[in-house]
């Protein structure tokens, strides 16, 4: 059983990484406030937690797309399993 669920989760993680990287620039073209919020969140992590997260616009756009796709994948997976 772990091979089935692990493979689907691994594929989802890899595909969100690739898609997030490809569509990161569109976040700034279509929804600049969402990109700004992501950039502020990463700066907050840098200051408060001391984590060295890159704070570029490209990386912030990638994070927005990845979080959105991961959430969507989780919802689809949940309804598919239950």
N, C-alpha and C. Protein backbone atom coordinates (compact mmCIF):
# COMPACT_ATOMS: atom_id res chain seq x y z
N UNK A 1 0.80 -1.20 0.00
CA UNK A 1 0.00 0.00 0.00
C UNK A 1 0.85 1.28 0.00
N UNK A 2 1.96 1.38 0.76
CA UNK A 2 2.75 2.61 0.73
C UNK A 2 3.32 2.92 -0.65
N UNK A 3 3.56 1.89 -1.44
CA UNK A 3 4.11 2.15 -2.78
C UNK A 3 3.10 2.91 -3.64
N UNK A 4 1.82 2.60 -3.47
CA UNK A 4 0.80 3.29 -4.26
C UNK A 4 0.64 4.73 -3.80
N UNK A 5 0.45 4.93 -2.52
CA UNK A 5 0.22 6.29 -2.03
C UNK A 5 1.51 7.10 -2.06
N UNK A 6 2.63 6.48 -1.83
CA UNK A 6 3.90 7.19 -1.87
C UNK A 6 4.22 7.68 -3.28
N UNK A 7 3.92 6.85 -4.26
CA UNK A 7 4.19 7.23 -5.64
C UNK A 7 3.31 8.40 -6.06
N UNK A 8 2.05 8.39 -5.66
CA UNK A 8 1.16 9.49 -6.04
C UNK A 8 1.57 10.79 -5.35
N UNK A 9 1.97 10.71 -4.09
CA UNK A 9 2.41 11.90 -3.39
C UNK A 9 3.74 12.41 -3.95
N UNK A 10 4.63 11.50 -4.28
CA UNK A 10 5.90 11.89 -4.89
C UNK A 10 5.70 12.55 -6.24
N UNK A 11 4.82 11.99 -7.06
CA UNK A 11 4.52 12.59 -8.35
C UNK A 11 3.89 13.97 -8.17
N UNK A 12 3.00 14.11 -7.22
CA UNK A 12 2.36 15.40 -6.97
C UNK A 12 3.39 16.44 -6.52
N UNK A 13 4.29 16.06 -5.65
CA UNK A 13 5.31 17.01 -5.18
C UNK A 13 6.24 17.43 -6.31
N UNK A 14 6.66 16.47 -7.11
CA UNK A 14 7.56 16.79 -8.22
C UNK A 14 6.86 17.64 -9.27
N UNK A 15 5.62 17.32 -9.58
CA UNK A 15 4.91 18.09 -10.60
C UNK A 15 4.60 19.50 -10.11
N UNK A 16 4.28 19.68 -8.82
CA UNK A 16 4.04 21.04 -8.33
C UNK A 16 5.33 21.86 -8.36
N UNK A 17 6.46 21.23 -8.12
CA UNK A 17 7.74 21.93 -8.22
C UNK A 17 8.00 22.40 -9.64
N UNK A 18 7.80 21.51 -10.60
CA UNK A 18 8.03 21.88 -12.00
C UNK A 18 7.03 22.92 -12.49
N UNK A 19 5.76 22.72 -12.22
CA UNK A 19 4.74 23.66 -12.67
C UNK A 19 4.90 25.00 -11.97
N UNK A 20 5.22 24.97 -10.68
CA UNK A 20 5.43 26.21 -9.94
C UNK A 20 6.57 27.03 -10.50
N UNK A 21 7.63 26.36 -10.91
CA UNK A 21 8.77 27.06 -11.49
C UNK A 21 8.42 27.64 -12.86
N UNK A 22 7.65 26.89 -13.64
CA UNK A 22 7.29 27.37 -14.98
C UNK A 22 6.32 28.56 -14.92
N UNK A 23 5.40 28.55 -13.98
CA UNK A 23 4.36 29.59 -13.94
C UNK A 23 4.62 30.68 -12.91
N UNK A 24 5.80 30.74 -12.34
CA UNK A 24 6.06 31.73 -11.29
C UNK A 24 5.96 33.16 -11.79
N UNK A 25 6.37 33.41 -13.01
CA UNK A 25 6.31 34.79 -13.52
C UNK A 25 4.88 35.25 -13.77
N UNK A 26 3.95 34.32 -14.01
CA UNK A 26 2.57 34.70 -14.25
C UNK A 26 1.88 35.20 -12.99
N UNK A 27 2.38 34.79 -11.83
CA UNK A 27 1.81 35.28 -10.58
C UNK A 27 1.96 36.79 -10.50
N UNK A 28 3.11 37.29 -10.90
CA UNK A 28 3.37 38.73 -10.85
C UNK A 28 2.61 39.47 -11.94
N UNK A 29 2.30 38.80 -13.05
CA UNK A 29 1.52 39.44 -14.11
C UNK A 29 0.03 39.44 -13.80
N UNK A 30 -0.48 38.36 -13.25
CA UNK A 30 -1.92 38.20 -13.03
C UNK A 30 -2.35 38.66 -11.64
N UNK A 31 -1.64 38.24 -10.61
CA UNK A 31 -2.03 38.55 -9.22
C UNK A 31 -0.84 39.12 -8.43
N UNK A 32 -0.43 40.34 -8.73
CA UNK A 32 0.72 40.90 -8.00
C UNK A 32 0.53 40.99 -6.48
N UNK A 33 -0.69 41.27 -5.97
CA UNK A 33 -0.82 41.31 -4.50
C UNK A 33 -0.53 39.96 -3.84
N UNK A 34 -0.89 38.87 -4.51
CA UNK A 34 -0.61 37.54 -3.96
C UNK A 34 0.89 37.28 -3.93
N UNK A 35 1.59 37.74 -4.94
CA UNK A 35 3.05 37.62 -4.96
C UNK A 35 3.69 38.45 -3.86
N UNK A 36 3.15 39.64 -3.62
CA UNK A 36 3.67 40.50 -2.56
C UNK A 36 3.47 39.86 -1.19
N UNK A 37 2.32 39.24 -0.98
CA UNK A 37 2.05 38.56 0.30
C UNK A 37 3.04 37.42 0.50
N UNK A 38 3.30 36.66 -0.56
CA UNK A 38 4.26 35.57 -0.46
C UNK A 38 5.66 36.09 -0.16
N UNK A 39 6.03 37.19 -0.79
CA UNK A 39 7.33 37.80 -0.54
C UNK A 39 7.45 38.29 0.90
N UNK A 40 6.39 38.89 1.41
CA UNK A 40 6.38 39.33 2.81
C UNK A 40 6.47 38.16 3.78
N UNK A 41 5.79 37.07 3.46
CA UNK A 41 5.83 35.88 4.32
C UNK A 41 7.24 35.30 4.38
N UNK A 42 7.93 35.29 3.25
CA UNK A 42 9.29 34.76 3.24
C UNK A 42 10.25 35.69 3.99
N UNK A 43 10.05 36.99 3.87
CA UNK A 43 10.87 37.93 4.65
C UNK A 43 10.60 37.78 6.14
N UNK A 44 9.34 37.51 6.51
CA UNK A 44 9.00 37.28 7.91
C UNK A 44 9.70 36.03 8.43
N UNK A 45 9.73 34.96 7.63
CA UNK A 45 10.44 33.74 8.02
C UNK A 45 11.93 34.01 8.21
N UNK A 46 12.50 34.80 7.32
CA UNK A 46 13.92 35.14 7.45
C UNK A 46 14.20 35.87 8.75
N UNK A 47 13.34 36.81 9.11
CA UNK A 47 13.56 37.62 10.31
C UNK A 47 13.26 36.85 11.59
N UNK A 48 12.13 36.19 11.65
CA UNK A 48 11.67 35.57 12.90
C UNK A 48 12.31 34.22 13.18
N UNK A 49 12.38 33.38 12.18
CA UNK A 49 12.88 32.02 12.40
C UNK A 49 14.36 31.88 12.08
N UNK A 50 14.92 32.88 11.42
CA UNK A 50 16.33 32.79 11.07
C UNK A 50 16.61 31.82 9.94
N UNK A 51 15.57 31.49 9.17
CA UNK A 51 15.73 30.58 8.04
C UNK A 51 16.16 31.40 6.83
N UNK A 52 17.14 30.93 6.11
CA UNK A 52 17.64 31.65 4.95
C UNK A 52 16.86 31.25 3.71
N UNK A 53 15.66 31.84 3.56
CA UNK A 53 14.81 31.58 2.40
C UNK A 53 15.09 32.65 1.35
N UNK A 54 15.29 32.26 0.09
CA UNK A 54 15.50 33.27 -0.94
C UNK A 54 14.28 34.19 -1.06
N UNK A 55 14.50 35.47 -1.15
CA UNK A 55 13.38 36.41 -1.22
C UNK A 55 13.34 37.12 -2.56
N UNK A 56 13.37 36.35 -3.63
CA UNK A 56 13.26 36.93 -4.96
C UNK A 56 11.81 36.81 -5.44
N UNK A 57 11.46 37.62 -6.44
CA UNK A 57 10.10 37.56 -6.96
C UNK A 57 9.82 36.22 -7.65
N UNK A 58 10.82 35.66 -8.30
CA UNK A 58 10.62 34.38 -8.97
C UNK A 58 10.33 33.27 -7.96
N UNK A 59 11.08 33.24 -6.87
CA UNK A 59 10.87 32.21 -5.86
C UNK A 59 9.53 32.41 -5.16
N UNK A 60 9.14 33.66 -4.90
CA UNK A 60 7.85 33.93 -4.27
C UNK A 60 6.71 33.46 -5.16
N UNK A 61 6.82 33.70 -6.47
CA UNK A 61 5.80 33.22 -7.40
C UNK A 61 5.74 31.71 -7.45
N UNK A 62 6.89 31.08 -7.38
CA UNK A 62 6.94 29.61 -7.37
C UNK A 62 6.24 29.06 -6.14
N UNK A 63 6.47 29.67 -5.00
CA UNK A 63 5.83 29.22 -3.76
C UNK A 63 4.32 29.36 -3.83
N UNK A 64 3.83 30.47 -4.40
CA UNK A 64 2.38 30.68 -4.52
C UNK A 64 1.76 29.57 -5.37
N UNK A 65 2.35 29.27 -6.51
CA UNK A 65 1.81 28.24 -7.39
C UNK A 65 1.91 26.87 -6.73
N UNK A 66 3.03 26.58 -6.07
CA UNK A 66 3.20 25.28 -5.42
C UNK A 66 2.20 25.07 -4.29
N UNK A 67 1.98 26.08 -3.48
CA UNK A 67 1.02 25.95 -2.37
C UNK A 67 -0.38 25.76 -2.92
N UNK A 68 -0.73 26.52 -3.94
CA UNK A 68 -2.06 26.37 -4.54
C UNK A 68 -2.28 24.99 -5.13
N UNK A 69 -1.32 24.50 -5.87
CA UNK A 69 -1.45 23.16 -6.46
C UNK A 69 -1.42 22.07 -5.40
N UNK A 70 -0.62 22.23 -4.37
CA UNK A 70 -0.57 21.23 -3.29
C UNK A 70 -1.90 21.17 -2.56
N UNK A 71 -2.50 22.33 -2.33
CA UNK A 71 -3.81 22.35 -1.67
C UNK A 71 -4.86 21.67 -2.55
N UNK A 72 -4.85 21.99 -3.84
CA UNK A 72 -5.80 21.37 -4.76
C UNK A 72 -5.59 19.87 -4.83
N UNK A 73 -4.33 19.43 -4.88
CA UNK A 73 -4.03 18.00 -4.90
C UNK A 73 -4.53 17.33 -3.62
N UNK A 74 -4.36 17.98 -2.48
CA UNK A 74 -4.83 17.41 -1.22
C UNK A 74 -6.33 17.25 -1.18
N UNK A 75 -7.05 18.24 -1.70
CA UNK A 75 -8.51 18.15 -1.73
C UNK A 75 -8.96 17.02 -2.65
N UNK A 76 -8.37 16.95 -3.84
CA UNK A 76 -8.74 15.88 -4.78
C UNK A 76 -8.38 14.52 -4.20
N UNK A 77 -7.24 14.40 -3.59
CA UNK A 77 -6.83 13.13 -3.00
C UNK A 77 -7.77 12.72 -1.86
N UNK A 78 -8.15 13.69 -1.02
CA UNK A 78 -9.03 13.40 0.11
C UNK A 78 -10.38 12.89 -0.39
N UNK A 79 -10.97 13.57 -1.35
CA UNK A 79 -12.27 13.14 -1.85
C UNK A 79 -12.16 11.85 -2.64
N UNK A 80 -11.03 11.61 -3.25
CA UNK A 80 -10.83 10.35 -3.97
C UNK A 80 -10.69 9.16 -3.04
N UNK A 81 -10.13 9.37 -1.86
CA UNK A 81 -9.90 8.28 -0.90
C UNK A 81 -11.08 8.06 0.04
N UNK A 82 -11.89 9.08 0.29
CA UNK A 82 -12.96 8.95 1.28
C UNK A 82 -14.29 9.09 0.61
